Amino acid sequence: MRERPDEQRTVKVSKYLSKHLRHQPDRIGLTLDENGWVEIDALLAAAAAHRFPFTRAELDHVVAVNDKRRFAVEGGRIRASQGHSVDVDLGLPPASPPAHLYHGTVAAHLAAIRAEGLRPMNRHAVHLSPDRETATRVGARRGRPVVLAVDAGAMHRDGHVFQVSANGVWLTAAVPPGYLRFPGPR
């Protein structure tokens, strides 16, 4: 099924926002504050100056329709909800996780995960989903998904800190292999 032109534009603006609010703000001359916020007017001006103009209405539409709620708007500023590779402090308080959380991946990564657990790689934290369905969608972005169960309750009891972002993604520094349950052979 092909996306309509307006849907294609929405996806392009969303990807542009993700790239510049999570990973490369300096590429277009933006400076995020310590909590990852930037003035919307500055973002719109920077995007236009770098040959990717979009309107405030388009930005508001992307924020409103993004099923993962990747962006947060507060007054005249915006930030990515999580997933940064640049240094920001989202100011999220510690939270008590549910007994189990989930992580979507692909089979190619399983050997490393069995050996080292889940690591944040180029992000600030490991991202965990509250349900299998969400984890399946996350894993499917890179191929045939494999969903790992995380014994978050045990991790929390053992002193691991969890946070939950505004869009419901659970964050933790790492998940050691002993807290992971791998699916059986297919």
C-alpha atoms as a PDB file:
ATOM      1  CA  MET A   1       0.000   0.000   0.000  1.00  0.00           C
ATOM      2  CA  ARG A   2       1.498   3.302  -1.077  1.00  0.00           C
ATOM      3  CA  GLU A   3       1.384   6.341   1.148  1.00  0.00           C
ATOM      4  CA  ARG A   4      -0.512   9.385  -0.072  1.00  0.00           C
ATOM      5  CA  PRO A   5       1.641  12.460  -0.777  1.00  0.00           C
ATOM      6  CA  ASP A   6       0.528  14.144   2.459  1.00  0.00           C
ATOM      7  CA  GLU A   7       1.426  10.999   4.427  1.00  0.00           C
ATOM      8  CA  GLN A   8       4.825  10.921   2.727  1.00  0.00           C
ATOM      9  CA  ARG A   9       5.386  14.536   3.743  1.00  0.00           C
ATOM     10  CA  THR A  10       4.386  13.766   7.335  1.00  0.00           C
ATOM     11  CA  VAL A  11       6.889  10.879   7.450  1.00  0.00           C
ATOM     12  CA  LYS A  12       9.651  13.074   5.982  1.00  0.00           C
ATOM     13  CA  VAL A  13       9.053  15.849   8.515  1.00  0.00           C
ATOM     14  CA  SER A  14       8.941  13.293  11.358  1.00  0.00           C
ATOM     15  CA  LYS A  15      12.261  11.754  10.290  1.00  0.00           C
ATOM     16  CA  TYR A  16      13.788  15.210   9.953  1.00  0.00           C
ATOM     17  CA  LEU A  17      12.655  16.092  13.477  1.00  0.00           C
ATOM     18  CA  SER A  18      14.009  12.817  14.882  1.00  0.00           C
ATOM     19  CA  LYS A  19      17.373  13.306  13.240  1.00  0.00           C
ATOM     20  CA  HIS A  20      17.827  16.869  14.429  1.00  0.00           C
ATOM     21  CA  LEU A  21      16.145  16.729  17.847  1.00  0.00           C
ATOM     22  CA  ARG A  22      17.745  13.413  18.859  1.00  0.00           C
ATOM     23  CA  HIS A  23      21.050  13.105  17.060  1.00  0.00           C
ATOM     24  CA  GLN A  24      22.369  16.052  15.055  1.00  0.00           C
ATOM     25  CA  PRO A  25      20.964  19.408  16.167  1.00  0.00           C
ATOM     26  CA  ASP A  26      24.276  21.101  15.375  1.00  0.00           C
ATOM     27  CA  ARG A  27      24.010  19.984  11.730  1.00  0.00           C
ATOM     28  CA  ILE A  28      21.401  22.708  11.204  1.00  0.00           C
ATOM     29  CA  GLY A  29      22.747  25.135  13.785  1.00  0.00           C
ATOM     30  CA  LEU A  30      20.428  24.233  16.671  1.00  0.00           C
ATOM     31  CA  THR A  31      21.448  24.094  20.300  1.00  0.00           C
ATOM     32  CA  LEU A  32      19.248  21.994  22.560  1.00  0.00           C
ATOM     33  CA  ASP A  33      19.018  23.069  26.186  1.00  0.00           C
ATOM     34  CA  GLU A  34      20.171  20.650  28.894  1.00  0.00           C
ATOM     35  CA  ASN A  35      16.766  18.923  28.845  1.00  0.00           C
ATOM     36  CA  GLY A  36      16.612  18.578  25.054  1.00  0.00           C
ATOM     37  CA  TRP A  37      14.236  21.485  24.356  1.00  0.00           C
ATOM     38  CA  VAL A  38      14.570  23.957  21.494  1.00  0.00           C
ATOM     39  CA  GLU A  39      12.380  26.909  20.562  1.00  0.00           C
ATOM     40  CA  ILE A  40      10.001  25.970  17.759  1.00  0.00           C
ATOM     41  CA  ASP A  41      10.650  29.256  15.936  1.00  0.00           C
ATOM     42  CA  ALA A  42      14.398  28.506  15.969  1.00  0.00           C
ATOM     43  CA  LEU A  43      13.750  24.990  14.635  1.00  0.00           C
ATOM     44  CA  LEU A  44      11.524  26.258  11.809  1.00  0.00           C
ATOM     45  CA  ALA A  45      14.065  28.932  10.864  1.00  0.00           C
ATOM     46  CA  ALA A  46      16.973  26.466  10.937  1.00  0.00           C
ATOM     47  CA  ALA A  47      15.091  23.932   8.812  1.00  0.00           C
ATOM     48  CA  ALA A  48      14.183  26.594   6.257  1.00  0.00           C
ATOM     49  CA  ALA A  49      17.773  27.859   6.160  1.00  0.00           C
ATOM     50  CA  HIS A  50      18.927  24.301   5.448  1.00  0.00           C
ATOM     51  CA  ARG A  51      16.498  23.767   2.568  1.00  0.00           C
ATOM     52  CA  PHE A  52      13.850  21.742   4.396  1.00  0.00           C
ATOM     53  CA  PRO A  53      11.146  24.286   5.187  1.00  0.00           C
ATOM     54  CA  PHE A  54       7.975  23.201   6.956  1.00  0.00           C
ATOM     55  CA  THR A  55       5.243  25.140   8.688  1.00  0.00           C
ATOM     56  CA  ARG A  56       4.141  25.251  12.308  1.00  0.00           C
ATOM     57  CA  ALA A  57       0.916  23.564  11.166  1.00  0.00           C
ATOM     58  CA  GLU A  58       2.933  20.681   9.641  1.00  0.00           C
ATOM     59  CA  LEU A  59       4.985  20.375  12.820  1.00  0.00           C
ATOM     60  CA  ASP A  60       1.837  20.337  14.989  1.00  0.00           C
ATOM     61  CA  HIS A  61       0.331  17.700  12.688  1.00  0.00           C
ATOM     62  CA  VAL A  62       3.423  15.468  12.960  1.00  0.00           C
ATOM     63  CA  VAL A  63       3.391  15.763  16.752  1.00  0.00           C
ATOM     64  CA  ALA A  64      -0.354  15.023  16.910  1.00  0.00           C
ATOM     65  CA  VAL A  65      -0.478  12.016  14.569  1.00  0.00           C
ATOM     66  CA  ASN A  66       2.770  10.281  15.521  1.00  0.00           C
ATOM     67  CA  ASP A  67       1.547   6.990  16.943  1.00  0.00           C
ATOM     68  CA  LYS A  68       4.702   6.659  19.041  1.00  0.00           C
ATOM     69  CA  ARG A  69       4.396  10.207  20.422  1.00  0.00           C
ATOM     70  CA  ARG A  70       8.073  10.771  19.658  1.00  0.00           C
ATOM     71  CA  PHE A  71       7.899  14.513  20.286  1.00  0.00           C
ATOM     72  CA  ALA A  72       6.677  16.698  23.118  1.00  0.00           C
ATOM     73  CA  VAL A  73       5.597  20.315  22.758  1.00  0.00           C
ATOM     74  CA  GLU A  74       5.503  22.628  25.737  1.00  0.00           C
ATOM     75  CA  GLY A  75       4.505  26.194  25.008  1.00  0.00           C
ATOM     76  CA  GLY A  76       6.749  27.462  22.231  1.00  0.00           C
ATOM     77  CA  ARG A  77       9.317  24.685  22.424  1.00  0.00           C
ATOM     78  CA  ILE A  78       9.713  21.070  21.316  1.00  0.00           C
ATOM     79  CA  ARG A  79      11.885  18.074  22.153  1.00  0.00           C
ATOM     80  CA  ALA A  80      12.186  14.402  21.319  1.00  0.00           C
ATOM     81  CA  SER A  81      10.623  12.238  24.027  1.00  0.00           C
ATOM     82  CA  GLN A  82      13.600   9.851  24.177  1.00  0.00           C
ATOM     83  CA  GLY A  83      16.224   8.158  21.993  1.00  0.00           C
ATOM     84  CA  HIS A  84      18.880  10.871  22.035  1.00  0.00           C
ATOM     85  CA  SER A  85      22.467  10.198  21.115  1.00  0.00           C
ATOM     86  CA  VAL A  86      23.390  13.772  22.097  1.00  0.00           C
ATOM     87  CA  ASP A  87      23.861  14.634  25.755  1.00  0.00           C
ATOM     88  CA  VAL A  88      20.554  15.669  27.329  1.00  0.00           C
ATOM     89  CA  ASP A  89      18.870  15.079  30.676  1.00  0.00           C
ATOM     90  CA  LEU A  90      15.190  14.459  30.106  1.00  0.00           C
ATOM     91  CA  GLY A  91      14.565  15.023  33.802  1.00  0.00           C
ATOM     92  CA  LEU A  92      12.551  11.842  34.138  1.00  0.00           C
ATOM     93  CA  PRO A  93      12.093  10.647  37.704  1.00  0.00           C
ATOM     94  CA  PRO A  94      12.802   7.039  38.678  1.00  0.00           C
ATOM     95  CA  ALA A  95       9.725   4.850  38.241  1.00  0.00           C
ATOM     96  CA  SER A  96       8.654   1.389  39.385  1.00  0.00           C
ATOM     97  CA  PRO A  97       8.297  -0.778  36.287  1.00  0.00           C
ATOM     98  CA  PRO A  98       5.724  -3.500  35.741  1.00  0.00           C
ATOM     99  CA  ALA A  99       6.891  -7.054  36.452  1.00  0.00           C
ATOM    100  CA  HIS A 100       7.792  -7.608  32.800  1.00  0.00           C
ATOM    101  CA  LEU A 101       8.831  -5.348  29.962  1.00  0.00           C
ATOM    102  CA  TYR A 102       9.759  -6.318  26.409  1.00  0.00           C
ATOM    103  CA  HIS A 103      12.446  -5.595  23.846  1.00  0.00           C
ATOM    104  CA  GLY A 104      12.065  -6.063  20.097  1.00  0.00           C
ATOM    105  CA  THR A 105      15.131  -7.033  18.095  1.00  0.00           C
ATOM    106  CA  VAL A 106      16.119  -9.361  15.237  1.00  0.00           C
ATOM    107  CA  ALA A 107      17.786 -12.784  15.301  1.00  0.00           C
ATOM    108  CA  ALA A 108      21.128 -11.397  14.069  1.00  0.00           C
ATOM    109  CA  HIS A 109      21.607  -9.624  17.419  1.00  0.00           C
ATOM    110  CA  LEU A 110      20.721 -12.532  19.707  1.00  0.00           C
ATOM    111  CA  ALA A 111      24.239 -13.960  20.180  1.00  0.00           C
ATOM    112  CA  ALA A 112      25.591 -10.602  21.381  1.00  0.00           C
ATOM    113  CA  ILE A 113      22.537 -10.029  23.586  1.00  0.00           C
ATOM    114  CA  ARG A 114      22.904 -13.498  25.161  1.00  0.00           C
ATOM    115  CA  ALA A 115      26.536 -12.681  25.967  1.00  0.00           C
ATOM    116  CA  GLU A 116      26.284  -9.012  26.988  1.00  0.00           C
ATOM    117  CA  GLY A 117      22.614  -8.317  27.647  1.00  0.00           C
ATOM    118  CA  LEU A 118      20.942  -5.210  26.302  1.00  0.00           C
ATOM    119  CA  ARG A 119      23.173  -2.156  26.051  1.00  0.00           C
ATOM    120  CA  PRO A 120      22.190   1.369  25.010  1.00  0.00           C
ATOM    121  CA  MET A 121      24.624   1.361  22.078  1.00  0.00           C
ATOM    122  CA  ASN A 122      24.685   4.981  20.790  1.00  0.00           C
ATOM    123  CA  ARG A 123      21.719   6.060  22.917  1.00  0.00           C
ATOM    124  CA  HIS A 124      21.580   7.125  26.543  1.00  0.00           C
ATOM    125  CA  ALA A 125      19.450   4.201  27.690  1.00  0.00           C
ATOM    126  CA  VAL A 126      18.033   0.851  26.663  1.00  0.00           C
ATOM    127  CA  HIS A 127      14.462   1.229  25.368  1.00  0.00           C
ATOM    128  CA  LEU A 128      11.861  -1.251  26.587  1.00  0.00           C
ATOM    129  CA  SER A 129       8.227  -1.649  25.610  1.00  0.00           C
ATOM    130  CA  PRO A 130       5.314  -2.181  27.987  1.00  0.00           C
ATOM    131  CA  ASP A 131       3.796  -4.966  25.861  1.00  0.00           C
ATOM    132  CA  ARG A 132       4.745  -7.623  23.329  1.00  0.00           C
ATOM    133  CA  GLU A 133       2.815  -5.966  20.509  1.00  0.00           C
ATOM    134  CA  THR A 134       4.805  -2.741  20.735  1.00  0.00           C
ATOM    135  CA  ALA A 135       8.088  -4.659  21.009  1.00  0.00           C
ATOM    136  CA  THR A 136       7.125  -6.666  17.928  1.00  0.00           C
ATOM    137  CA  ARG A 137       6.575  -3.455  15.934  1.00  0.00           C
ATOM    138  CA  VAL A 138       9.930  -2.093  17.136  1.00  0.00           C
ATOM    139  CA  GLY A 139      11.775  -5.270  16.140  1.00  0.00           C
ATOM    140  CA  ALA A 140      10.010  -5.405  12.770  1.00  0.00           C
ATOM    141  CA  ARG A 141      11.666  -2.140  11.712  1.00  0.00           C
ATOM    142  CA  ARG A 142      14.887  -4.094  11.131  1.00  0.00           C
ATOM    143  CA  GLY A 143      13.526  -7.402   9.821  1.00  0.00           C
ATOM    144  CA  ARG A 144      11.710 -10.405  11.251  1.00  0.00           C
ATOM    145  CA  PRO A 145      11.120  -9.472  14.900  1.00  0.00           C
ATOM    146  CA  VAL A 146      12.214 -11.423  17.954  1.00  0.00           C
ATOM    147  CA  VAL A 147      10.702 -10.316  21.261  1.00  0.00           C
ATOM    148  CA  LEU A 148      12.661 -10.714  24.495  1.00  0.00           C
ATOM    149  CA  ALA A 149      10.955 -10.573  27.878  1.00  0.00           C
ATOM    150  CA  VAL A 150      12.717  -8.559  30.579  1.00  0.00           C
ATOM    151  CA  ASP A 151      12.239  -9.413  34.255  1.00  0.00           C
ATOM    152  CA  ALA A 152      11.926  -5.744  35.138  1.00  0.00           C
ATOM    153  CA  GLY A 153      10.479  -6.464  38.574  1.00  0.00           C
ATOM    154  CA  ALA A 154      13.577  -8.437  39.583  1.00  0.00           C
ATOM    155  CA  MET A 155      15.871  -5.815  38.093  1.00  0.00           C
ATOM    156  CA  HIS A 156      14.119  -3.091  40.081  1.00  0.00           C
ATOM    157  CA  ARG A 157      14.331  -5.121  43.310  1.00  0.00           C
ATOM    158  CA  ASP A 158      18.040  -5.587  42.611  1.00  0.00           C
ATOM    159  CA  GLY A 159      18.596  -1.828  42.390  1.00  0.00           C
ATOM    160  CA  HIS A 160      18.386  -1.100  38.663  1.00  0.00           C
ATOM    161  CA  VAL A 161      16.787   2.265  37.960  1.00  0.00           C
ATOM    162  CA  PHE A 162      13.956   2.669  35.478  1.00  0.00           C
ATOM    163  CA  GLN A 163      12.354   5.752  33.993  1.00  0.00           C
ATOM    164  CA  VAL A 164       9.356   6.078  31.741  1.00  0.00           C
ATOM    165  CA  SER A 165       9.225   8.688  28.973  1.00  0.00           C
ATOM    166  CA  ALA A 166       6.188  10.799  28.156  1.00  0.00           C
ATOM    167  CA  ASN A 167       5.278   8.372  25.373  1.00  0.00           C
ATOM    168  CA  GLY A 168       5.395   5.234  27.533  1.00  0.00           C
ATOM    169  CA  VAL A 169       8.841   3.935  26.569  1.00  0.00           C
ATOM    170  CA  TRP A 170      10.661   2.467  29.567  1.00  0.00           C
ATOM    171  CA  LEU A 171      14.329   3.399  29.898  1.00  0.00           C
ATOM    172  CA  THR A 172      17.140   1.793  31.882  1.00  0.00           C
ATOM    173  CA  ALA A 173      20.942   1.933  31.681  1.00  0.00           C
ATOM    174  CA  ALA A 174      21.364  -1.723  30.621  1.00  0.00           C
ATOM    175  CA  VAL A 175      19.752  -5.132  31.000  1.00  0.00           C
ATOM    176  CA  PRO A 176      22.163  -7.877  32.088  1.00  0.00           C
ATOM    177  CA  PRO A 177      21.603 -11.246  30.361  1.00  0.00           C
ATOM    178  CA  GLY A 178      20.292 -12.921  33.525  1.00  0.00           C
ATOM    179  CA  TYR A 179      17.149 -10.769  33.432  1.00  0.00           C
ATOM    180  CA  LEU A 180      16.271 -11.719  29.855  1.00  0.00           C
ATOM    181  CA  ARG A 181      14.010 -14.481  28.605  1.00  0.00           C
ATOM    182  CA  PHE A 182      14.683 -15.562  25.053  1.00  0.00           C
ATOM    183  CA  PRO A 183      12.046 -17.219  22.867  1.00  0.00           C
ATOM    184  CA  GLY A 184      12.404 -20.911  22.137  1.00  0.00           C
ATOM    185  CA  PRO A 185      13.456 -22.208  18.732  1.00  0.00           C
ATOM    186  CA  ARG A 186      11.005 -21.558  15.904  1.00  0.00           C
END
